[in-house]
Amino acid sequence: MKLNRKRTALIGFAFFGILLLWQVYDSWCPTFLTDIFARHMYGESSAALKAGEASKLLNVQWLVGIIMACDNLAALILLPIFGNLSDKTKTPIGKRMPFILTGTFVAAIAFPFIPLFFHYNNTVGMIITMAIVLMFMMMYRNPAVALMPDITPKPLRAKANGIINIMGYLGGAAATVLGIFLKLSNYINAEDAARKLWIIEIPFIIASVLMVISALVLFFSIRENEIAVEMKDQMEEGERLAAIENPVDDDAPMSPANKRMLLAILGAEFLWFMADNAIGTYIGNYVIYYLRSQSSATMILTIIGGLASVIGFAIAGIIADKIGRKWTITAGLSVTVLGLVVMCFVKPTEVVTGVNGEWSFPVLLYAVWVLKGFGMALVHNCSFPMVVELCSSKKIGRFTGFYYAASMSAQTITPILLGFIFNVTGAWVALPIYSSTLFVLACLVFTMLVKNIKAKKVKNVSGIEAIEGD
């Protein structure tokens, strides 16, 4: 049994498109919403309020949170539906590919209209377009993620997931580089007449083009039906070697031990996604409106965190082979908590840079993102394989839906909840305190309730046979 790294990397183009769009969406849209709600509520741009009455910007964050949570609410409903549908779909191009292609092309066409509507202060148009993009990304996301475990034996999925996630982070890095050169803060801080549409439009157009290219690469390189036939024997052997208490049987109810394991993993996942999504949703506004730094600093944070994540993804599978997936995830959560505790003590530097009155960026935050990036890579690398370990190949889409139901319900709640906390406390430091608390709870739940069952040893092929298939 041997992991086909080339094919796994090609499957990773699906995740490349997902993180590419998500990075652009999460980096730009909360600031768009802050600015447009500030105009509606106070009659002034967010830049004007930042200079004079910055506390009012905290008062609009609950509205930002509600809109940013709506996509996750839709995902909570749609992801399990599309996962289950794709499990039952049979076409000449496979069961996942029709959903991937349809979702990608519609989302890619609609995506560039978000900044266009924002530029012309059309709130309704912007929010409707965001809803269209997100609905079709839900059609794309579950089948795209399920594609890897479809054709990867269970004992090899942690290593395969590392490759998949590295490909995804390359997509996120592509979006991040755009944010360094096309600074959102330059657009937001400019007078209305001086705002240049192309600054905010180009990242969305490039993201759409790269999404379409990644989907086409996936379509022309991965023949789902052929690979499924080729991998049939290895998939069956993978079932025998799975890291679970009781063997999976599609014709029998899920065993109590496996059910307890699934619920414990999903419960801990819910908590760590609440923590992580809070950071992802509000970090752009935290940097622009609290630290008063350039938006490009957020992009540099993302790159640094992404590089640390790549290292984490590269070695997570190896660590899991040694100590088990449970303790790998626990270690990742512990490292992340350490980073977020440090972030609680980060304050604005009050050293003016001379650019639009912006302040210099606190260097300590870079160290926080290294710890967070590495720690969460260990978590994400092992958690999804643990969930799909508990089902057969016939139900991967459904169990992928369970995984995303937990993550998306968390991401539905957390922007709204934290938005209200901002409104009540009037303090941006609520962000790291909120997230670090939830990460600690996730670590406790996971450590106490999830068993550490190591996968049975896989006999690696060697010699000429080891070369075959690459």
Protein backbone atom coordinates (compact mmCIF):
# COMPACT_ATOMS: atom_id res chain seq x y z
CA MET A 1 0.00 0.00 0.00
CA LYS A 2 1.55 3.27 -1.13
CA LEU A 3 0.38 6.86 -1.32
CA ASN A 4 0.35 8.20 -4.86
CA ARG A 5 1.69 11.67 -4.10
CA LYS A 6 1.38 13.01 -7.63
CA ARG A 7 -2.28 12.10 -7.87
CA THR A 8 -2.94 13.42 -4.37
CA ALA A 9 -1.35 16.76 -5.31
CA LEU A 10 -3.58 16.94 -8.39
CA ILE A 11 -6.65 16.30 -6.22
CA GLY A 12 -5.32 19.16 -4.11
CA PHE A 13 -6.19 21.59 -6.90
CA ALA A 14 -9.78 21.32 -5.63
CA PHE A 15 -8.68 22.62 -2.22
CA PHE A 16 -6.48 25.22 -3.97
CA GLY A 17 -9.63 26.78 -5.41
CA ILE A 18 -11.51 26.60 -2.10
CA LEU A 19 -8.88 28.40 0.00
CA LEU A 20 -8.14 30.88 -2.79
CA LEU A 21 -11.73 32.13 -2.82
CA TRP A 22 -12.10 31.94 0.96
CA GLN A 23 -8.94 33.97 1.57
CA VAL A 24 -10.08 36.78 -0.72
CA TYR A 25 -13.61 36.63 0.71
CA ASP A 26 -12.54 36.71 4.37
CA SER A 27 -9.84 39.34 3.83
CA TRP A 28 -11.97 41.87 1.95
CA CYS A 29 -15.67 41.32 2.70
CA PRO A 30 -15.78 42.12 6.47
CA THR A 31 -14.12 45.47 5.75
CA PHE A 32 -16.53 46.13 2.86
CA LEU A 33 -19.43 45.45 5.23
CA THR A 34 -17.95 47.62 8.01
CA ASP A 35 -17.59 50.55 5.62
CA ILE A 36 -21.02 50.22 4.02
CA PHE A 37 -22.84 49.80 7.37
CA ALA A 38 -20.96 52.77 8.83
CA ARG A 39 -22.31 54.90 5.97
CA HIS A 40 -25.87 53.70 6.53
CA MET A 41 -25.80 54.08 10.32
CA TYR A 42 -23.65 57.19 10.79
CA GLY A 43 -23.50 58.82 7.37
CA GLU A 44 -19.70 58.63 7.31
CA SER A 45 -17.13 56.24 5.88
CA SER A 46 -15.28 53.86 8.19
CA ALA A 47 -12.08 55.84 7.53
CA ALA A 48 -13.69 59.03 8.86
CA LEU A 49 -14.96 57.24 11.95
CA LYS A 50 -11.57 55.63 12.55
CA ALA A 51 -10.00 59.08 12.64
CA GLY A 52 -12.66 60.59 14.90
CA GLU A 53 -15.12 58.21 16.54
CA ALA A 54 -13.53 54.77 16.30
CA SER A 55 -15.84 53.31 18.96
CA LYS A 56 -18.72 53.50 16.49
CA LEU A 57 -16.93 50.96 14.29
CA LEU A 58 -17.21 48.42 17.09
CA ASN A 59 -20.95 49.08 17.20
CA VAL A 60 -21.40 47.89 13.60
CA GLN A 61 -19.46 44.65 14.05
CA TRP A 62 -22.55 42.73 15.17
CA LEU A 63 -24.12 43.50 11.78
CA VAL A 64 -20.93 42.44 10.04
CA GLY A 65 -21.01 39.26 12.10
CA ILE A 66 -24.59 38.48 11.11
CA ILE A 67 -23.85 38.80 7.38
CA MET A 68 -20.61 36.85 7.64
CA ALA A 69 -22.47 34.15 9.59
CA CYS A 70 -25.22 33.77 6.98
CA ASP A 71 -22.88 31.97 4.59
CA ASN A 72 -22.04 29.48 7.31
CA LEU A 73 -25.72 28.96 8.08
CA ALA A 74 -26.29 28.18 4.41
CA ALA A 75 -23.31 25.83 4.51
CA LEU A 76 -24.72 24.07 7.57
CA ILE A 77 -27.81 23.23 5.52
CA LEU A 78 -26.33 22.72 2.07
CA LEU A 79 -23.04 20.89 2.69
CA PRO A 80 -24.62 17.70 4.08
CA ILE A 81 -27.19 17.78 1.27
CA PHE A 82 -24.58 18.04 -1.48
CA GLY A 83 -22.39 15.47 0.25
CA ASN A 84 -25.21 12.97 0.42
CA LEU A 85 -26.28 13.70 -3.16
CA SER A 86 -22.76 13.21 -4.48
CA ASP A 87 -22.51 9.85 -2.64
CA LYS A 88 -25.50 8.67 -4.68
CA THR A 89 -24.55 10.27 -8.01
CA LYS A 90 -23.28 8.20 -10.93
CA THR A 91 -22.12 9.88 -14.14
CA PRO A 92 -19.49 9.16 -16.84
CA ILE A 93 -17.21 11.77 -15.20
CA GLY A 94 -17.68 10.48 -11.65
CA LYS A 95 -19.86 11.24 -8.65
CA ARG A 96 -18.04 14.34 -7.34
CA MET A 97 -16.94 16.05 -10.55
CA PRO A 98 -20.36 17.35 -11.73
CA PHE A 99 -20.80 19.24 -8.44
CA ILE A 100 -17.22 20.55 -8.52
CA LEU A 101 -17.48 21.91 -12.07
CA THR A 102 -20.94 23.48 -11.68
CA GLY A 103 -20.13 25.09 -8.34
CA THR A 104 -16.79 26.45 -9.53
CA PHE A 105 -17.99 28.08 -12.73
CA VAL A 106 -21.07 29.79 -11.26
CA ALA A 107 -19.17 31.04 -8.19
CA ALA A 108 -16.30 32.28 -10.37
CA ILE A 109 -18.65 34.28 -12.61
CA ALA A 110 -20.46 35.92 -9.68
CA PHE A 111 -17.44 36.60 -7.43
CA PRO A 112 -16.11 39.81 -9.11
CA PHE A 113 -19.51 41.48 -8.75
CA ILE A 114 -19.10 41.71 -4.94
CA PRO A 115 -16.54 44.59 -5.02
CA LEU A 116 -18.37 46.19 -7.95
CA PHE A 117 -21.60 46.53 -5.95
CA PHE A 118 -19.64 47.69 -2.90
CA HIS A 119 -17.86 50.40 -4.88
CA TYR A 120 -21.19 51.81 -6.00
CA ASN A 121 -22.61 51.55 -2.45
CA ASN A 122 -25.23 48.97 -3.47
CA THR A 123 -25.69 47.01 -0.24
CA VAL A 124 -28.50 44.77 -1.48
CA GLY A 125 -26.66 43.84 -4.68
CA MET A 126 -23.47 43.06 -2.77
CA ILE A 127 -25.19 40.84 -0.19
CA ILE A 128 -27.24 38.96 -2.82
CA THR A 129 -24.08 38.32 -4.85
CA MET A 130 -22.27 37.09 -1.74
CA ALA A 131 -25.17 34.67 -1.17
CA ILE A 132 -24.98 33.34 -4.76
CA VAL A 133 -21.23 32.81 -4.54
CA LEU A 134 -21.48 31.02 -1.25
CA MET A 135 -24.38 28.78 -2.29
CA PHE A 136 -22.45 27.47 -5.28
CA MET A 137 -19.25 27.14 -3.27
CA MET A 138 -21.19 24.83 -0.97
CA MET A 139 -22.08 22.72 -4.01
CA TYR A 140 -18.36 22.58 -4.80
CA ARG A 141 -16.79 22.25 -1.35
CA ASN A 142 -18.10 19.00 0.11
CA PRO A 143 -17.62 16.87 -3.05
CA ALA A 144 -14.18 18.42 -3.61
CA VAL A 145 -13.01 17.54 -0.09
CA ALA A 146 -14.58 14.05 -0.29
CA LEU A 147 -12.58 13.29 -3.43
CA MET A 148 -9.37 12.51 -1.50
CA PRO A 149 -10.77 9.85 0.87
CA ASP A 150 -12.73 8.39 -2.07
CA ILE A 151 -9.50 7.08 -3.57
CA THR A 152 -7.09 6.99 -0.60
CA PRO A 153 -6.94 4.01 1.81
CA LYS A 154 -7.65 4.93 5.44
CA PRO A 155 -4.13 4.48 6.89
CA LEU A 156 -2.70 6.86 4.27
CA ARG A 157 -5.22 9.67 4.64
CA ALA A 158 -3.35 11.75 7.22
CA LYS A 159 -0.33 11.99 4.91
CA ALA A 160 -2.58 12.60 1.90
CA ASN A 161 -4.43 15.32 3.80
CA GLY A 162 -1.11 17.04 4.43
CA ILE A 163 -0.47 17.26 0.69
CA ILE A 164 -4.06 18.40 0.05
CA ASN A 165 -3.76 21.15 2.64
CA ILE A 166 -0.42 22.36 1.31
CA MET A 167 -2.05 22.74 -2.12
CA GLY A 168 -4.88 24.65 -0.44
CA TYR A 169 -2.48 26.97 1.31
CA LEU A 170 -0.79 27.72 -2.01
CA GLY A 171 -4.20 28.95 -3.14
CA GLY A 172 -4.50 31.07 0.00
CA ALA A 173 -0.98 32.41 -0.58
CA ALA A 174 -1.89 33.46 -4.13
CA ALA A 175 -4.74 35.56 -2.73
CA THR A 176 -2.52 36.93 0.02
CA VAL A 177 0.13 38.18 -2.39
CA LEU A 178 -2.57 40.15 -4.18
CA GLY A 179 -3.49 41.81 -0.89
CA ILE A 180 0.08 42.95 -0.32
CA PHE A 181 0.25 44.87 -3.58
CA LEU A 182 -3.41 45.93 -3.77
CA LYS A 183 -3.86 47.38 -0.30
CA LEU A 184 -7.44 47.47 0.87
CA SER A 185 -6.53 50.09 3.50
CA ASN A 186 -5.42 52.47 0.72
CA TYR A 187 -8.88 52.17 -0.83
CA ILE A 188 -10.76 52.46 2.49
CA ASN A 189 -8.73 55.48 3.70
CA ALA A 190 -9.14 57.43 0.47
CA GLU A 191 -11.80 60.06 -0.12
CA ASP A 192 -14.80 58.77 -2.06
CA ALA A 193 -13.79 60.55 -5.25
CA ALA A 194 -10.26 59.13 -5.04
CA ARG A 195 -11.29 55.50 -4.53
CA LYS A 196 -10.08 53.33 -7.41
CA LEU A 197 -12.32 50.38 -8.25
CA TRP A 198 -9.47 48.35 -9.74
CA ILE A 199 -7.71 48.13 -6.35
CA ILE A 200 -10.51 45.95 -4.97
CA GLU A 201 -11.70 44.41 -8.25
CA ILE A 202 -8.46 42.82 -9.45
CA PRO A 203 -8.10 40.33 -6.53
CA PHE A 204 -11.62 39.02 -7.14
CA ILE A 205 -11.11 38.65 -10.90
CA ILE A 206 -7.77 36.87 -10.49
CA ALA A 207 -9.27 34.57 -7.84
CA SER A 208 -12.10 33.65 -10.24
CA VAL A 209 -9.70 32.92 -13.10
CA LEU A 210 -7.43 30.76 -10.92
CA MET A 211 -10.44 28.88 -9.53
CA VAL A 212 -11.57 27.97 -13.04
CA ILE A 213 -8.04 26.89 -14.02
CA SER A 214 -7.72 24.72 -10.89
CA ALA A 215 -11.07 23.03 -11.62
CA LEU A 216 -10.03 22.32 -15.22
CA VAL A 217 -6.69 20.85 -14.07
CA LEU A 218 -8.61 18.61 -11.68
CA PHE A 219 -11.11 17.55 -14.36
CA PHE A 220 -8.53 16.65 -17.00
CA SER A 221 -6.11 14.87 -14.64
CA ILE A 222 -8.40 12.91 -12.28
CA ARG A 223 -10.61 10.24 -13.82
CA GLU A 224 -12.80 9.35 -10.86
CA ASN A 225 -14.38 6.17 -12.19
CA GLU A 226 -11.14 4.68 -13.51
CA ILE A 227 -9.23 5.40 -10.31
CA ALA A 228 -12.02 3.92 -8.17
CA VAL A 229 -11.73 0.61 -10.05
CA GLU A 230 -7.94 0.69 -9.84
CA MET A 231 -7.97 1.35 -6.08
CA LYS A 232 -10.70 -1.16 -5.14
CA ASP A 233 -8.41 -3.75 -3.50
CA GLN A 234 -6.34 -1.17 -1.62
CA MET A 235 -9.48 0.55 -0.32
CA GLU A 236 -10.74 -2.77 1.05
CA GLU A 237 -7.39 -3.41 2.71
CA GLY A 238 -7.53 0.11 4.16
CA GLU A 239 -10.83 -0.74 5.85
CA ARG A 240 -9.14 -3.67 7.60
CA LEU A 241 -6.29 -1.46 8.84
CA ALA A 242 -8.46 1.46 10.01
CA ALA A 243 -7.75 3.21 13.34
CA ILE A 244 -11.18 2.56 14.87
CA GLU A 245 -12.50 0.52 17.79
CA ASN A 246 -15.04 -1.48 15.78
CA PRO A 247 -15.04 -2.37 12.06
CA VAL A 248 -17.43 -0.36 9.89
CA ASP A 249 -20.43 -2.21 8.51
CA ASP A 250 -22.80 -0.38 6.14
CA ASP A 251 -25.53 -2.93 6.81
CA ALA A 252 -25.49 -2.46 10.60
CA PRO A 253 -26.03 0.58 12.85
CA MET A 254 -22.93 2.52 13.85
CA SER A 255 -21.37 0.90 16.92
CA PRO A 256 -21.71 2.81 20.24
CA ALA A 257 -17.92 3.15 20.53
CA ASN A 258 -17.58 4.62 17.03
CA LYS A 259 -20.56 6.90 17.63
CA ARG A 260 -19.01 8.24 20.86
CA MET A 261 -15.75 8.83 19.01
CA LEU A 262 -17.51 10.70 16.22
CA LEU A 263 -19.50 12.94 18.60
CA ALA A 264 -16.41 13.76 20.66
CA ILE A 265 -14.38 14.71 17.58
CA LEU A 266 -17.21 16.85 16.18
CA GLY A 267 -17.78 18.53 19.57
CA ALA A 268 -14.13 19.53 19.89
CA GLU A 269 -14.07 20.57 16.23
CA PHE A 270 -17.08 22.84 16.84
CA LEU A 271 -15.16 24.67 19.59
CA TRP A 272 -11.88 25.08 17.72
CA PHE A 273 -13.68 26.34 14.60
CA MET A 274 -15.54 28.89 16.73
CA ALA A 275 -12.15 30.09 17.95
CA ASP A 276 -10.35 30.01 14.62
CA ASN A 277 -13.15 31.57 12.57
CA ALA A 278 -13.39 34.47 15.02
CA ILE A 279 -9.77 35.31 14.21
CA GLY A 280 -10.29 34.79 10.47
CA THR A 281 -13.42 36.95 10.33
CA TYR A 282 -12.22 39.92 12.36
CA ILE A 283 -8.43 40.05 11.92
CA GLY A 284 -8.70 42.43 8.94
CA ASN A 285 -10.79 44.90 10.94
CA TYR A 286 -8.57 44.33 14.00
CA VAL A 287 -5.50 45.40 12.01
CA ILE A 288 -7.12 48.33 10.18
CA TYR A 289 -9.31 49.77 12.93
CA TYR A 290 -7.57 48.73 16.19
CA LEU A 291 -3.88 48.51 15.34
CA ARG A 292 -4.44 51.24 12.70
CA SER A 293 -1.90 49.54 10.44
CA GLN A 294 -1.89 48.92 6.71
CA SER A 295 -4.10 46.08 5.46
CA SER A 296 -1.02 44.56 3.78
CA ALA A 297 0.14 43.65 7.31
CA THR A 298 -2.77 41.19 7.48
CA MET A 299 -1.58 39.61 4.26
CA ILE A 300 1.98 39.28 5.57
CA LEU A 301 0.53 37.63 8.69
CA THR A 302 -1.27 35.18 6.43
CA ILE A 303 1.88 34.35 4.50
CA ILE A 304 3.90 33.80 7.67
CA GLY A 305 1.14 31.68 9.17
CA GLY A 306 0.80 29.82 5.87
CA LEU A 307 4.51 28.97 5.76
CA ALA A 308 4.30 27.65 9.33
CA SER A 309 1.20 25.68 8.29
CA VAL A 310 3.00 24.11 5.34
CA ILE A 311 5.69 22.84 7.73
CA GLY A 312 2.96 21.52 10.02
CA PHE A 313 1.14 19.77 7.19
CA ALA A 314 4.38 18.28 5.90
CA ILE A 315 5.22 16.59 9.20
CA ALA A 316 1.77 16.03 10.77
CA GLY A 317 1.31 12.65 9.12
CA ILE A 318 4.74 11.51 10.34
CA ILE A 319 3.98 12.71 13.88
CA ALA A 320 0.60 10.97 13.80
CA ASP A 321 2.26 7.70 12.79
CA LYS A 322 4.48 7.97 15.87
CA ILE A 323 2.12 9.20 18.60
CA GLY A 324 -1.35 8.84 17.07
CA ARG A 325 -3.75 11.40 15.64
CA LYS A 326 -5.26 12.27 19.02
CA TRP A 327 -2.02 13.48 20.58
CA THR A 328 -0.98 15.20 17.35
CA ILE A 329 -4.19 17.27 17.46
CA THR A 330 -3.79 17.92 21.20
CA ALA A 331 -0.26 19.20 20.61
CA GLY A 332 -1.51 21.45 17.81
CA LEU A 333 -4.26 22.94 19.99
CA SER A 334 -1.77 23.55 22.82
CA VAL A 335 0.64 25.41 20.54
CA THR A 336 -2.24 27.49 19.17
CA VAL A 337 -3.41 28.41 22.67
CA LEU A 338 0.10 29.60 23.51
CA GLY A 339 0.06 31.92 20.48
CA LEU A 340 -3.38 33.36 21.29
CA VAL A 341 -2.43 34.01 24.92
CA VAL A 342 0.53 36.05 23.67
CA MET A 343 -1.85 37.95 21.34
CA CYS A 344 -3.86 39.11 24.38
CA PHE A 345 -0.94 41.38 25.27
CA VAL A 346 -0.44 42.91 21.80
CA LYS A 347 -1.31 46.62 21.69
CA PRO A 348 -1.21 49.38 19.03
CA THR A 349 2.32 50.74 18.71
CA GLU A 350 1.35 54.42 18.31
CA VAL A 351 4.37 54.93 16.06
CA VAL A 352 3.12 56.82 12.99
CA THR A 353 4.39 55.46 9.68
CA GLY A 354 3.50 58.55 7.68
CA VAL A 355 1.13 56.70 5.35
CA ASN A 356 -2.48 57.88 5.81
CA GLY A 357 -1.70 58.39 9.50
CA GLU A 358 -1.25 54.62 9.96
CA TRP A 359 0.79 53.16 12.81
CA SER A 360 3.59 50.62 12.57
CA PHE A 361 2.66 46.98 12.95
CA PRO A 362 3.53 45.12 16.22
CA VAL A 363 6.21 42.56 15.39
CA LEU A 364 5.05 40.22 18.18
CA LEU A 365 1.96 39.37 16.15
CA TYR A 366 4.15 37.63 13.56
CA ALA A 367 5.32 35.17 16.23
CA VAL A 368 1.69 34.57 17.22
CA TRP A 369 0.82 33.64 13.64
CA VAL A 370 3.75 31.24 13.37
CA LEU A 371 2.52 29.36 16.44
CA LYS A 372 -1.11 29.48 15.31
CA GLY A 373 -0.30 28.41 11.74
CA PHE A 374 1.80 25.45 12.81
CA GLY A 375 -0.56 24.36 15.56
CA MET A 376 -3.73 24.48 13.46
CA ALA A 377 -1.99 22.60 10.64
CA LEU A 378 -1.53 19.64 13.00
CA VAL A 379 -5.19 19.92 13.99
CA HIS A 380 -6.70 20.19 10.51
CA ASN A 381 -4.40 17.58 9.04
CA CYS A 382 -5.58 14.82 11.37
CA SER A 383 -9.17 15.77 12.28
CA PHE A 384 -10.87 15.21 8.92
CA PRO A 385 -9.25 11.76 8.40
CA MET A 386 -10.43 10.79 11.90
CA VAL A 387 -14.03 11.57 10.92
CA VAL A 388 -14.05 9.70 7.59
CA GLU A 389 -12.20 6.83 9.27
CA LEU A 390 -15.52 6.01 10.90
CA CYS A 391 -17.41 5.29 7.66
CA SER A 392 -17.04 3.14 4.56
CA SER A 393 -16.35 4.46 1.07
CA LYS A 394 -20.10 4.49 0.39
CA LYS A 395 -20.72 7.22 2.99
CA ILE A 396 -17.71 9.52 2.66
CA GLY A 397 -19.81 12.40 1.34
CA ARG A 398 -22.25 12.06 4.24
CA PHE A 399 -19.50 11.98 6.88
CA THR A 400 -17.76 14.90 5.17
CA GLY A 401 -21.11 16.63 5.64
CA PHE A 402 -20.99 15.83 9.37
CA TYR A 403 -17.50 17.33 9.56
CA TYR A 404 -18.65 20.51 7.84
CA ALA A 405 -21.91 20.64 9.81
CA ALA A 406 -19.83 20.97 12.98
CA SER A 407 -17.43 23.53 11.51
CA MET A 408 -20.09 25.60 9.76
CA SER A 409 -22.46 25.69 12.73
CA ALA A 410 -19.52 27.02 14.76
CA GLN A 411 -18.76 29.59 12.08
CA THR A 412 -22.43 30.60 11.97
CA ILE A 413 -22.51 31.37 15.68
CA THR A 414 -19.10 32.86 16.31
CA PRO A 415 -19.14 36.06 14.15
CA ILE A 416 -22.50 37.09 15.65
CA LEU A 417 -21.53 36.21 19.21
CA LEU A 418 -18.19 37.99 19.03
CA GLY A 419 -19.81 40.95 17.28
CA PHE A 420 -22.15 41.36 20.27
CA ILE A 421 -19.19 40.97 22.65
CA PHE A 422 -17.39 43.78 20.83
CA ASN A 423 -20.54 45.90 21.12
CA VAL A 424 -20.85 45.26 24.86
CA THR A 425 -17.16 45.50 25.85
CA GLY A 426 -16.05 48.15 23.36
CA ALA A 427 -12.66 46.44 23.34
CA TRP A 428 -10.81 44.79 20.44
CA VAL A 429 -8.79 42.72 22.94
CA ALA A 430 -11.95 40.63 23.29
CA LEU A 431 -10.86 38.88 20.07
CA PRO A 432 -7.79 36.99 21.38
CA ILE A 433 -9.39 36.40 24.80
CA TYR A 434 -12.49 34.89 23.19
CA SER A 435 -10.49 32.66 20.83
CA SER A 436 -7.94 31.45 23.37
CA THR A 437 -10.73 30.49 25.79
CA LEU A 438 -12.50 28.41 23.13
CA PHE A 439 -9.25 26.73 22.07
CA VAL A 440 -8.64 25.68 25.69
CA LEU A 441 -12.15 24.20 25.88
CA ALA A 442 -11.62 22.35 22.59
CA CYS A 443 -8.34 20.90 23.86
CA LEU A 444 -10.00 19.71 27.08
CA VAL A 445 -12.94 18.09 25.28
CA PHE A 446 -10.73 16.39 22.73
CA THR A 447 -8.15 15.16 25.26
CA MET A 448 -10.69 13.76 27.70
CA LEU A 449 -13.24 12.20 25.34
CA VAL A 450 -11.36 10.99 22.24
CA LYS A 451 -9.43 7.72 22.35
CA ASN A 452 -5.99 7.42 20.79
CA ILE A 453 -6.28 4.47 18.41
CA LYS A 454 -3.24 4.18 16.18
CA ALA A 455 -3.62 2.76 12.70
CA LYS A 456 -2.25 -0.71 12.12
CA LYS A 457 1.12 -0.76 10.47
CA VAL A 458 1.04 -0.55 6.68
CA LYS A 459 3.54 -2.64 4.83
CA ASN A 460 5.20 -0.30 2.35
CA VAL A 461 6.00 -1.51 -1.13
CA SER A 462 9.59 -1.38 -2.30
CA GLY A 463 11.84 -1.64 -5.33
CA ILE A 464 10.28 -1.40 -8.81
CA GLU A 465 6.81 -1.69 -7.28
CA ALA A 466 7.41 1.45 -5.21
CA ILE A 467 8.05 3.50 -8.37
CA GLU A 468 4.92 2.29 -10.10
CA GLY A 469 1.93 4.66 -9.95
CA ASP A 470 3.92 7.88 -9.46
